[in-house]
Amino acid sequence: MPVKILIRTTIYLVLIVLLASCSTMGRWIGAPGSNPRITYPPPYPPMQPVNSYPILSEPPVYPAPDDGQTSPWQPRPGDEALTRGEAFVNKHQFLVLESFPPQYLLELEGALPTPCHQLRVDIRPPDAQNRILVEVYSLVDPTAICAQVLSSFQASVKLDHLPAGKYTVLVNNTEIGLIEIP
């Protein structure tokens, strides 16, 4: 029997040591009401941005002009000093606003050759064949140093002040649709 008592006593001692170590462990990591010696997680300094360039998640949106205001995409004085470039129109859509008289918007989406290029949209008055020519292009300062990546754009172009009639709308000499103004 003494061997059984010795085994039981050893088991009890091991259990007591384990329980004691668990109860002090709670105080060690910072259990409520204890005085922790370390904190978890360790305090790290806040992460710093890798670079200072802004991240553009959305393409710039050029709104339709209100009456009496010029839009950022309309040709303006000083454009002669800039170099003309392409603007790639990927998507276009006509919108007819519910108003009297009806107002027409041309929604354009596409890309400019670089972020340094500025969008320009020139709307010509209807010609003798009732065609409205919309010229979409870009301008850039020839001395600017710029990343060589495409920059997307969105623009809303008002087609207003047109006399009654049927018109064919062409964007960069490509026919995109017909509108009828009552």
N, C-alpha and C. Protein backbone atom coordinates (compact mmCIF):
# COMPACT_ATOMS: atom_id res chain seq x y z
N MET A 1 0.77 -1.20 0.00
CA MET A 1 0.00 0.00 0.00
C MET A 1 0.82 1.28 0.00
N PRO A 2 2.00 1.26 0.58
CA PRO A 2 2.74 2.50 0.58
C PRO A 2 3.04 2.99 -0.84
N VAL A 3 3.17 2.11 -1.82
CA VAL A 3 3.46 2.54 -3.19
C VAL A 3 2.25 3.30 -3.75
N LYS A 4 1.04 2.82 -3.47
CA LYS A 4 -0.16 3.50 -3.94
C LYS A 4 -0.27 4.88 -3.31
N ILE A 5 0.06 5.01 -2.08
CA ILE A 5 -0.01 6.31 -1.40
C ILE A 5 1.03 7.25 -2.01
N LEU A 6 2.19 6.71 -2.30
CA LEU A 6 3.25 7.52 -2.90
C LEU A 6 2.84 8.03 -4.29
N ILE A 7 2.19 7.18 -5.07
CA ILE A 7 1.74 7.57 -6.42
C ILE A 7 0.65 8.63 -6.32
N ARG A 8 -0.31 8.42 -5.41
CA ARG A 8 -1.39 9.39 -5.24
C ARG A 8 -0.83 10.74 -4.78
N THR A 9 0.07 10.70 -3.86
CA THR A 9 0.65 11.94 -3.36
C THR A 9 1.38 12.67 -4.47
N THR A 10 2.10 11.95 -5.30
CA THR A 10 2.82 12.55 -6.43
C THR A 10 1.84 13.19 -7.41
N ILE A 11 0.75 12.49 -7.70
CA ILE A 11 -0.27 13.02 -8.62
C ILE A 11 -0.88 14.30 -8.04
N TYR A 12 -1.20 14.26 -6.74
CA TYR A 12 -1.78 15.44 -6.10
C TYR A 12 -0.81 16.63 -6.14
N LEU A 13 0.45 16.35 -5.92
CA LEU A 13 1.44 17.43 -5.94
C LEU A 13 1.57 18.03 -7.35
N VAL A 14 1.57 17.19 -8.37
CA VAL A 14 1.65 17.68 -9.75
C VAL A 14 0.44 18.54 -10.08
N LEU A 15 -0.75 18.09 -9.68
CA LEU A 15 -1.97 18.87 -9.92
C LEU A 15 -1.93 20.21 -9.20
N ILE A 16 -1.45 20.21 -7.98
CA ILE A 16 -1.36 21.46 -7.21
C ILE A 16 -0.39 22.43 -7.89
N VAL A 17 0.74 21.93 -8.35
CA VAL A 17 1.71 22.78 -9.03
C VAL A 17 1.12 23.34 -10.32
N LEU A 18 0.43 22.53 -11.09
CA LEU A 18 -0.21 23.00 -12.33
C LEU A 18 -1.25 24.06 -12.05
N LEU A 19 -2.10 23.83 -11.06
CA LEU A 19 -3.13 24.81 -10.73
C LEU A 19 -2.50 26.11 -10.23
N ALA A 20 -1.47 26.00 -9.47
CA ALA A 20 -0.80 27.20 -8.96
C ALA A 20 -0.16 27.98 -10.10
N SER A 21 0.43 27.29 -11.03
CA SER A 21 1.06 28.00 -12.16
C SER A 21 0.02 28.66 -13.04
N CYS A 22 -1.16 28.05 -13.21
CA CYS A 22 -2.23 28.65 -14.01
C CYS A 22 -2.75 29.90 -13.33
N SER A 23 -2.89 29.89 -12.03
CA SER A 23 -3.44 31.06 -11.35
C SER A 23 -2.46 32.22 -11.39
N THR A 24 -1.18 31.99 -11.35
CA THR A 24 -0.21 33.08 -11.45
C THR A 24 -0.05 33.52 -12.89
N MET A 25 -0.34 32.64 -13.83
CA MET A 25 -0.24 32.99 -15.24
C MET A 25 -1.25 34.08 -15.57
N GLY A 26 -2.45 34.00 -14.99
CA GLY A 26 -3.46 35.02 -15.24
C GLY A 26 -2.98 36.38 -14.78
N ARG A 27 -2.31 36.44 -13.68
CA ARG A 27 -1.78 37.71 -13.21
C ARG A 27 -0.64 38.18 -14.10
N TRP A 28 0.11 37.25 -14.66
CA TRP A 28 1.26 37.61 -15.48
C TRP A 28 0.83 38.32 -16.75
N ILE A 29 -0.24 37.84 -17.45
CA ILE A 29 -0.62 38.45 -18.71
C ILE A 29 -1.55 39.64 -18.53
N GLY A 30 -2.03 39.87 -17.39
CA GLY A 30 -2.87 41.04 -17.19
C GLY A 30 -4.31 40.70 -16.96
N ALA A 31 -4.59 39.74 -16.08
CA ALA A 31 -5.97 39.42 -15.74
C ALA A 31 -6.58 40.61 -15.00
N PRO A 32 -7.89 40.76 -15.04
CA PRO A 32 -8.53 41.89 -14.37
C PRO A 32 -8.15 41.93 -12.88
N GLY A 33 -7.81 43.11 -12.40
CA GLY A 33 -7.47 43.28 -11.00
C GLY A 33 -6.03 42.95 -10.68
N SER A 34 -5.24 42.58 -11.66
CA SER A 34 -3.85 42.25 -11.38
C SER A 34 -2.96 43.41 -11.79
N ASN A 35 -1.71 43.31 -11.44
CA ASN A 35 -0.73 44.31 -11.84
C ASN A 35 0.18 43.65 -12.86
N PRO A 36 -0.15 43.75 -14.16
CA PRO A 36 0.61 43.00 -15.16
C PRO A 36 2.03 43.55 -15.32
N ARG A 37 2.93 42.63 -15.61
CA ARG A 37 4.31 43.02 -15.86
C ARG A 37 4.55 43.25 -17.34
N ILE A 38 3.74 42.61 -18.21
CA ILE A 38 3.83 42.85 -19.64
C ILE A 38 2.43 43.12 -20.16
N THR A 39 2.35 43.73 -21.31
CA THR A 39 1.04 43.94 -21.93
C THR A 39 1.00 43.16 -23.23
N TYR A 40 -0.19 42.76 -23.63
CA TYR A 40 -0.37 42.02 -24.86
C TYR A 40 -1.47 42.69 -25.65
N PRO A 41 -1.35 42.98 -26.87
CA PRO A 41 -0.17 42.88 -27.71
C PRO A 41 0.80 44.00 -27.37
N PRO A 42 2.07 43.81 -27.68
CA PRO A 42 3.05 44.85 -27.40
C PRO A 42 2.71 46.12 -28.17
N PRO A 43 2.94 47.28 -27.61
CA PRO A 43 2.62 48.53 -28.33
C PRO A 43 3.60 48.76 -29.48
N TYR A 44 3.06 48.78 -30.70
CA TYR A 44 3.88 49.04 -31.88
C TYR A 44 3.66 50.49 -32.31
N PRO A 45 4.63 51.12 -32.92
CA PRO A 45 4.39 52.47 -33.44
C PRO A 45 3.41 52.38 -34.61
N PRO A 46 2.61 53.43 -34.83
CA PRO A 46 1.66 53.38 -35.95
C PRO A 46 2.39 53.26 -37.27
N MET A 47 1.76 52.57 -38.22
CA MET A 47 2.38 52.37 -39.53
C MET A 47 2.42 53.69 -40.29
N GLN A 48 3.50 53.93 -40.97
CA GLN A 48 3.67 55.12 -41.79
C GLN A 48 3.37 54.77 -43.24
N PRO A 49 2.77 55.72 -44.01
CA PRO A 49 2.52 55.42 -45.42
C PRO A 49 3.83 55.23 -46.17
N VAL A 50 3.77 54.37 -47.19
CA VAL A 50 4.96 54.06 -47.98
C VAL A 50 5.38 55.27 -48.80
N ASN A 51 4.41 55.95 -49.39
CA ASN A 51 4.73 57.16 -50.15
C ASN A 51 3.67 58.20 -49.88
N SER A 52 3.86 59.38 -50.36
CA SER A 52 2.93 60.45 -50.08
C SER A 52 1.96 60.71 -51.24
N TYR A 53 1.92 59.82 -52.22
CA TYR A 53 1.02 60.01 -53.34
C TYR A 53 -0.39 59.60 -52.96
N PRO A 54 -1.41 60.38 -53.33
CA PRO A 54 -2.78 59.99 -53.00
C PRO A 54 -3.20 58.79 -53.84
N ILE A 55 -4.04 57.96 -53.28
CA ILE A 55 -4.56 56.80 -54.00
C ILE A 55 -5.92 57.20 -54.56
N LEU A 56 -6.05 57.15 -55.87
CA LEU A 56 -7.31 57.51 -56.52
C LEU A 56 -8.10 56.25 -56.80
N SER A 57 -9.21 56.11 -56.08
CA SER A 57 -10.01 54.91 -56.30
C SER A 57 -11.08 55.16 -57.36
N GLU A 58 -11.42 56.38 -57.57
CA GLU A 58 -12.44 56.72 -58.54
C GLU A 58 -11.85 57.68 -59.58
N PRO A 59 -12.31 57.59 -60.81
CA PRO A 59 -11.83 58.55 -61.80
C PRO A 59 -12.38 59.93 -61.51
N PRO A 60 -11.67 60.98 -61.93
CA PRO A 60 -12.22 62.32 -61.73
C PRO A 60 -13.50 62.48 -62.52
N VAL A 61 -14.46 63.16 -61.93
CA VAL A 61 -15.76 63.37 -62.57
C VAL A 61 -15.86 64.84 -62.92
N TYR A 62 -16.12 65.12 -64.19
CA TYR A 62 -16.32 66.48 -64.64
C TYR A 62 -17.82 66.71 -64.77
N PRO A 63 -18.41 67.55 -63.92
CA PRO A 63 -19.86 67.73 -63.95
C PRO A 63 -20.31 68.53 -65.16
N ALA A 64 -21.61 68.41 -65.46
CA ALA A 64 -22.18 69.21 -66.53
C ALA A 64 -22.22 70.66 -66.06
N PRO A 65 -22.01 71.59 -66.97
CA PRO A 65 -21.99 72.99 -66.55
C PRO A 65 -23.39 73.49 -66.20
N ASP A 66 -23.48 74.33 -65.18
CA ASP A 66 -24.72 75.04 -64.91
C ASP A 66 -24.72 76.27 -65.80
N ASP A 67 -25.88 76.85 -65.99
CA ASP A 67 -25.95 78.04 -66.85
C ASP A 67 -25.08 79.14 -66.28
N GLY A 68 -24.27 79.75 -67.14
CA GLY A 68 -23.42 80.85 -66.72
C GLY A 68 -22.08 80.42 -66.15
N GLN A 69 -21.83 79.14 -66.02
CA GLN A 69 -20.56 78.68 -65.47
C GLN A 69 -19.80 77.92 -66.55
N THR A 70 -18.49 78.02 -66.50
CA THR A 70 -17.68 77.24 -67.42
C THR A 70 -17.28 75.95 -66.74
N SER A 71 -17.19 74.88 -67.50
CA SER A 71 -16.82 73.59 -66.98
C SER A 71 -15.33 73.38 -67.13
N PRO A 72 -14.75 72.49 -66.35
CA PRO A 72 -13.32 72.26 -66.45
C PRO A 72 -12.90 71.65 -67.79
N TRP A 73 -13.84 71.11 -68.56
CA TRP A 73 -13.47 70.45 -69.81
C TRP A 73 -13.65 71.33 -71.03
N GLN A 74 -14.23 72.54 -70.87
CA GLN A 74 -14.43 73.41 -72.02
C GLN A 74 -13.12 74.07 -72.42
N PRO A 75 -12.90 74.28 -73.72
CA PRO A 75 -11.70 75.01 -74.16
C PRO A 75 -11.66 76.39 -73.50
N ARG A 76 -10.45 76.84 -73.16
CA ARG A 76 -10.30 78.13 -72.46
C ARG A 76 -9.06 78.85 -72.95
N PRO A 77 -8.97 80.12 -72.63
CA PRO A 77 -7.77 80.87 -73.03
C PRO A 77 -6.52 80.26 -72.39
N GLY A 78 -5.45 80.24 -73.12
CA GLY A 78 -4.20 79.66 -72.62
C GLY A 78 -3.97 78.24 -73.09
N ASP A 79 -5.00 77.62 -73.67
CA ASP A 79 -4.86 76.25 -74.18
C ASP A 79 -3.86 76.18 -75.33
N GLU A 80 -3.62 77.32 -76.00
CA GLU A 80 -2.70 77.33 -77.15
C GLU A 80 -1.27 76.99 -76.73
N ALA A 81 -0.93 77.26 -75.47
CA ALA A 81 0.43 77.01 -75.00
C ALA A 81 0.64 75.53 -74.64
N LEU A 82 -0.42 74.75 -74.61
CA LEU A 82 -0.32 73.34 -74.24
C LEU A 82 -0.27 72.47 -75.48
N THR A 83 0.23 71.25 -75.32
CA THR A 83 0.32 70.29 -76.43
C THR A 83 -0.94 69.45 -76.45
N ARG A 84 -1.49 69.30 -77.63
CA ARG A 84 -2.72 68.53 -77.79
C ARG A 84 -2.41 67.04 -77.85
N GLY A 85 -3.26 66.24 -77.17
CA GLY A 85 -3.10 64.79 -77.16
C GLY A 85 -4.43 64.11 -77.36
N GLU A 86 -4.42 62.80 -77.25
CA GLU A 86 -5.64 62.02 -77.44
C GLU A 86 -6.42 61.89 -76.15
N ALA A 87 -7.69 61.61 -76.29
CA ALA A 87 -8.56 61.19 -75.19
C ALA A 87 -9.30 59.98 -75.73
N PHE A 88 -9.20 58.87 -75.02
CA PHE A 88 -9.80 57.61 -75.49
C PHE A 88 -11.18 57.47 -74.86
N VAL A 89 -12.23 57.59 -75.69
CA VAL A 89 -13.60 57.48 -75.20
C VAL A 89 -14.01 56.01 -75.29
N ASN A 90 -14.26 55.41 -74.13
CA ASN A 90 -14.62 53.99 -74.08
C ASN A 90 -16.12 53.77 -73.99
N LYS A 91 -16.84 54.74 -73.43
CA LYS A 91 -18.27 54.56 -73.21
C LYS A 91 -18.96 55.91 -73.37
N HIS A 92 -20.13 55.89 -73.99
CA HIS A 92 -20.91 57.12 -74.16
C HIS A 92 -22.38 56.75 -74.03
N GLN A 93 -23.17 57.73 -73.55
CA GLN A 93 -24.59 57.48 -73.33
C GLN A 93 -25.32 58.81 -73.36
N PHE A 94 -26.50 58.82 -74.01
CA PHE A 94 -27.36 59.99 -74.01
C PHE A 94 -28.32 59.90 -72.84
N LEU A 95 -28.54 61.02 -72.17
CA LEU A 95 -29.55 61.10 -71.13
C LEU A 95 -30.49 62.24 -71.49
N VAL A 96 -31.80 62.00 -71.36
CA VAL A 96 -32.79 63.04 -71.58
C VAL A 96 -33.37 63.38 -70.21
N LEU A 97 -33.17 64.62 -69.78
CA LEU A 97 -33.67 65.04 -68.48
C LEU A 97 -35.15 65.38 -68.59
N GLU A 98 -35.88 65.05 -67.54
CA GLU A 98 -37.32 65.32 -67.54
C GLU A 98 -37.54 66.79 -67.21
N SER A 99 -37.63 67.59 -68.23
CA SER A 99 -37.84 69.01 -68.07
C SER A 99 -38.52 69.53 -69.33
N PHE A 100 -38.97 70.78 -69.29
CA PHE A 100 -39.52 71.38 -70.49
C PHE A 100 -38.82 72.68 -70.72
N PRO A 101 -38.19 72.91 -71.80
CA PRO A 101 -37.97 71.95 -72.87
C PRO A 101 -36.99 70.86 -72.43
N PRO A 102 -37.01 69.73 -73.13
CA PRO A 102 -36.11 68.64 -72.73
C PRO A 102 -34.65 69.07 -72.79
N GLN A 103 -33.87 68.57 -71.84
CA GLN A 103 -32.43 68.84 -71.82
C GLN A 103 -31.71 67.52 -72.11
N TYR A 104 -30.62 67.63 -72.84
CA TYR A 104 -29.89 66.44 -73.25
C TYR A 104 -28.48 66.48 -72.66
N LEU A 105 -28.07 65.34 -72.11
CA LEU A 105 -26.72 65.18 -71.58
C LEU A 105 -26.03 64.06 -72.33
N LEU A 106 -24.76 64.25 -72.59
CA LEU A 106 -23.94 63.21 -73.18
C LEU A 106 -22.94 62.79 -72.10
N GLU A 107 -23.07 61.57 -71.60
CA GLU A 107 -22.16 61.04 -70.58
C GLU A 107 -21.00 60.36 -71.28
N LEU A 108 -19.78 60.74 -70.93
CA LEU A 108 -18.58 60.18 -71.55
C LEU A 108 -17.70 59.56 -70.48
N GLU A 109 -17.15 58.39 -70.78
CA GLU A 109 -16.16 57.75 -69.92
C GLU A 109 -15.01 57.30 -70.80
N GLY A 110 -13.81 57.40 -70.25
CA GLY A 110 -12.65 56.99 -71.04
C GLY A 110 -11.37 57.18 -70.28
N ALA A 111 -10.28 57.37 -71.04
CA ALA A 111 -8.96 57.49 -70.42
C ALA A 111 -8.15 58.56 -71.14
N LEU A 112 -7.30 59.21 -70.34
CA LEU A 112 -6.33 60.17 -70.87
C LEU A 112 -4.96 59.51 -70.86
N PRO A 113 -4.04 59.94 -71.72
CA PRO A 113 -2.73 59.28 -71.81
C PRO A 113 -1.93 59.26 -70.51
N THR A 114 -2.02 60.32 -69.71
CA THR A 114 -1.30 60.37 -68.42
C THR A 114 -2.15 61.18 -67.44
N PRO A 115 -1.84 61.12 -66.15
CA PRO A 115 -2.55 61.96 -65.19
C PRO A 115 -2.31 63.45 -65.39
N CYS A 116 -1.26 63.83 -66.11
CA CYS A 116 -0.97 65.25 -66.37
C CYS A 116 -1.84 65.84 -67.48
N HIS A 117 -2.46 64.99 -68.29
CA HIS A 117 -3.31 65.48 -69.37
C HIS A 117 -4.63 66.02 -68.80
N GLN A 118 -5.12 67.09 -69.42
CA GLN A 118 -6.38 67.70 -69.03
C GLN A 118 -7.42 67.42 -70.11
N LEU A 119 -8.61 67.07 -69.69
CA LEU A 119 -9.68 66.76 -70.63
C LEU A 119 -10.25 68.04 -71.23
N ARG A 120 -10.54 67.99 -72.52
CA ARG A 120 -11.24 69.07 -73.20
C ARG A 120 -12.32 68.45 -74.08
N VAL A 121 -13.50 69.10 -74.08
CA VAL A 121 -14.61 68.67 -74.93
C VAL A 121 -15.12 69.93 -75.63
N ASP A 122 -15.05 69.92 -76.95
CA ASP A 122 -15.48 71.06 -77.76
C ASP A 122 -16.73 70.64 -78.53
N ILE A 123 -17.83 71.33 -78.28
CA ILE A 123 -19.10 71.02 -78.95
C ILE A 123 -19.33 72.08 -80.02
N ARG A 124 -19.40 71.63 -81.26
CA ARG A 124 -19.62 72.54 -82.39
C ARG A 124 -21.12 72.70 -82.63
N PRO A 125 -21.54 73.87 -83.09
CA PRO A 125 -22.96 74.03 -83.44
C PRO A 125 -23.32 73.13 -84.63
N PRO A 126 -24.61 72.82 -84.78
CA PRO A 126 -25.01 71.94 -85.89
C PRO A 126 -24.58 72.50 -87.25
N ASP A 127 -24.12 71.59 -88.13
CA ASP A 127 -23.71 72.02 -89.47
C ASP A 127 -24.89 71.91 -90.44
N ALA A 128 -24.64 72.08 -91.73
CA ALA A 128 -25.69 72.07 -92.75
C ALA A 128 -26.39 70.71 -92.85
N GLN A 129 -25.69 69.61 -92.47
CA GLN A 129 -26.29 68.27 -92.52
C GLN A 129 -26.92 67.88 -91.18
N ASN A 130 -27.13 68.84 -90.29
CA ASN A 130 -27.69 68.61 -88.94
C ASN A 130 -26.84 67.62 -88.14
N ARG A 131 -25.55 67.80 -88.21
CA ARG A 131 -24.63 66.99 -87.41
C ARG A 131 -24.04 67.86 -86.31
N ILE A 132 -24.00 67.31 -85.11
CA ILE A 132 -23.35 67.99 -83.99
C ILE A 132 -22.03 67.27 -83.77
N LEU A 133 -20.93 67.98 -83.98
CA LEU A 133 -19.61 67.38 -83.82
C LEU A 133 -19.10 67.68 -82.40
N VAL A 134 -18.81 66.61 -81.67
CA VAL A 134 -18.25 66.72 -80.32
C VAL A 134 -16.82 66.23 -80.41
N GLU A 135 -15.89 67.12 -80.13
CA GLU A 135 -14.48 66.76 -80.20
C GLU A 135 -13.95 66.59 -78.78
N VAL A 136 -13.47 65.37 -78.47
CA VAL A 136 -12.93 65.05 -77.14
C VAL A 136 -11.43 64.84 -77.31
N TYR A 137 -10.65 65.62 -76.57
CA TYR A 137 -9.19 65.53 -76.68
C TYR A 137 -8.57 65.90 -75.33
N SER A 138 -7.26 65.87 -75.28
CA SER A 138 -6.56 66.23 -74.04
C SER A 138 -5.47 67.24 -74.34
N LEU A 139 -5.07 67.96 -73.29
CA LEU A 139 -3.98 68.92 -73.39
C LEU A 139 -3.00 68.64 -72.27
N VAL A 140 -1.72 68.89 -72.53
CA VAL A 140 -0.69 68.65 -71.52
C VAL A 140 0.39 69.71 -71.66
N ASP A 141 0.96 70.08 -70.54
CA ASP A 141 2.11 70.98 -70.53
C ASP A 141 3.31 70.20 -71.06
N PRO A 142 3.95 70.65 -72.14
CA PRO A 142 5.05 69.88 -72.72
C PRO A 142 6.26 69.76 -71.81
N THR A 143 6.38 70.61 -70.80
CA THR A 143 7.53 70.53 -69.88
C THR A 143 7.24 69.69 -68.65
N ALA A 144 6.01 69.21 -68.50
CA ALA A 144 5.63 68.45 -67.31
C ALA A 144 6.26 67.05 -67.33
N ILE A 145 6.70 66.61 -66.16
CA ILE A 145 7.20 65.25 -66.00
C ILE A 145 6.08 64.46 -65.33
N CYS A 146 5.66 63.38 -65.97
CA CYS A 146 4.47 62.69 -65.49
C CYS A 146 4.64 61.18 -65.64
N ALA A 147 3.96 60.44 -64.76
CA ALA A 147 3.95 58.98 -64.84
C ALA A 147 3.24 58.56 -66.13
N GLN A 148 3.77 57.56 -66.79
CA GLN A 148 3.22 57.11 -68.06
C GLN A 148 2.18 56.00 -67.82
N VAL A 149 1.05 56.42 -67.25
CA VAL A 149 -0.07 55.50 -67.01
C VAL A 149 -1.34 56.19 -67.47
N LEU A 150 -2.32 55.40 -67.87
CA LEU A 150 -3.59 55.96 -68.29
C LEU A 150 -4.33 56.52 -67.07
N SER A 151 -5.05 57.59 -67.29
CA SER A 151 -5.84 58.22 -66.23
C SER A 151 -7.29 58.26 -66.71
N SER A 152 -8.20 57.61 -65.98
CA SER A 152 -9.59 57.54 -66.42
C SER A 152 -10.32 58.85 -66.13
N PHE A 153 -11.41 59.07 -66.89
CA PHE A 153 -12.22 60.27 -66.70
C PHE A 153 -13.69 59.94 -66.93
N GLN A 154 -14.54 60.79 -66.38
CA GLN A 154 -15.98 60.78 -66.63
C GLN A 154 -16.39 62.23 -66.82
N ALA A 155 -17.25 62.50 -67.79
CA ALA A 155 -17.70 63.87 -68.03
C ALA A 155 -19.15 63.85 -68.47
N SER A 156 -19.91 64.84 -68.00
CA SER A 156 -21.29 65.05 -68.44
C SER A 156 -21.31 66.31 -69.28
N VAL A 157 -21.73 66.17 -70.53
CA VAL A 157 -21.70 67.27 -71.49
C VAL A 157 -23.13 67.64 -71.82
N LYS A 158 -23.48 68.92 -71.59
CA LYS A 158 -24.83 69.39 -71.93
C LYS A 158 -24.89 69.72 -73.42
N LEU A 159 -25.92 69.23 -74.07
CA LEU A 159 -26.20 69.61 -75.46
C LEU A 159 -27.42 70.51 -75.40
N ASP A 160 -27.17 71.81 -75.28
CA ASP A 160 -28.29 72.74 -75.12
C ASP A 160 -28.21 73.87 -76.13
N HIS A 161 -29.20 74.73 -76.10
CA HIS A 161 -29.31 75.88 -77.00
C HIS A 161 -29.35 75.44 -78.46
N LEU A 162 -30.06 74.34 -78.72
CA LEU A 162 -30.19 73.85 -80.08
C LEU A 162 -31.59 74.14 -80.59
N PRO A 163 -31.71 74.56 -81.86
CA PRO A 163 -33.04 74.76 -82.42
C PRO A 163 -33.74 73.41 -82.65
N ALA A 164 -35.05 73.45 -82.81
CA ALA A 164 -35.83 72.22 -83.04
C ALA A 164 -35.33 71.51 -84.30
N GLY A 165 -35.32 70.19 -84.23
CA GLY A 165 -34.88 69.40 -85.37
C GLY A 165 -34.30 68.07 -84.94
N LYS A 166 -33.91 67.27 -85.95
CA LYS A 166 -33.26 65.98 -85.71
C LYS A 166 -31.77 66.16 -85.97
N TYR A 167 -30.95 65.63 -85.04
CA TYR A 167 -29.51 65.82 -85.15
C TYR A 167 -28.78 64.49 -84.98
N THR A 168 -27.72 64.33 -85.74
CA THR A 168 -26.81 63.21 -85.59
C THR A 168 -25.64 63.70 -84.75
N VAL A 169 -25.33 62.96 -83.69
CA VAL A 169 -24.23 63.36 -82.81
C VAL A 169 -23.02 62.49 -83.12
N LEU A 170 -21.90 63.14 -83.36
CA LEU A 170 -20.64 62.44 -83.64
C LEU A 170 -19.62 62.82 -82.57
N VAL A 171 -18.97 61.82 -81.97
CA VAL A 171 -17.89 62.06 -81.02
C VAL A 171 -16.60 61.62 -81.70
N ASN A 172 -15.69 62.56 -81.87
CA ASN A 172 -14.42 62.30 -82.57
C ASN A 172 -14.66 61.62 -83.92
N ASN A 173 -15.61 62.17 -84.67
CA ASN A 173 -15.98 61.70 -86.03
C ASN A 173 -16.59 60.32 -86.06
N THR A 174 -17.05 59.80 -84.92
CA THR A 174 -17.74 58.52 -84.88
C THR A 174 -19.19 58.77 -84.46
N GLU A 175 -20.14 58.34 -85.31
CA GLU A 175 -21.55 58.56 -85.01
C GLU A 175 -21.96 57.73 -83.79
N ILE A 176 -22.58 58.42 -82.81
CA ILE A 176 -22.99 57.69 -81.61
C ILE A 176 -24.50 57.68 -81.40
N GLY A 177 -25.24 58.51 -82.15
CA GLY A 177 -26.68 58.45 -81.99
C GLY A 177 -27.40 59.66 -82.58
N LEU A 178 -28.71 59.61 -82.46
CA LEU A 178 -29.58 60.67 -82.97
C LEU A 178 -30.36 61.27 -81.80
N ILE A 179 -30.59 62.58 -81.87
CA ILE A 179 -31.51 63.21 -80.92
C ILE A 179 -32.49 64.04 -81.69
N GLU A 180 -33.69 64.16 -81.14
CA GLU A 180 -34.73 64.96 -81.77
C GLU A 180 -35.20 65.99 -80.76
N ILE A 181 -35.09 67.24 -81.14
CA ILE A 181 -35.49 68.34 -80.26
C ILE A 181 -36.81 68.90 -80.77
N PRO A 182 -37.85 68.85 -79.93
CA PRO A 182 -39.16 69.34 -80.38
C PRO A 182 -39.22 70.86 -80.51
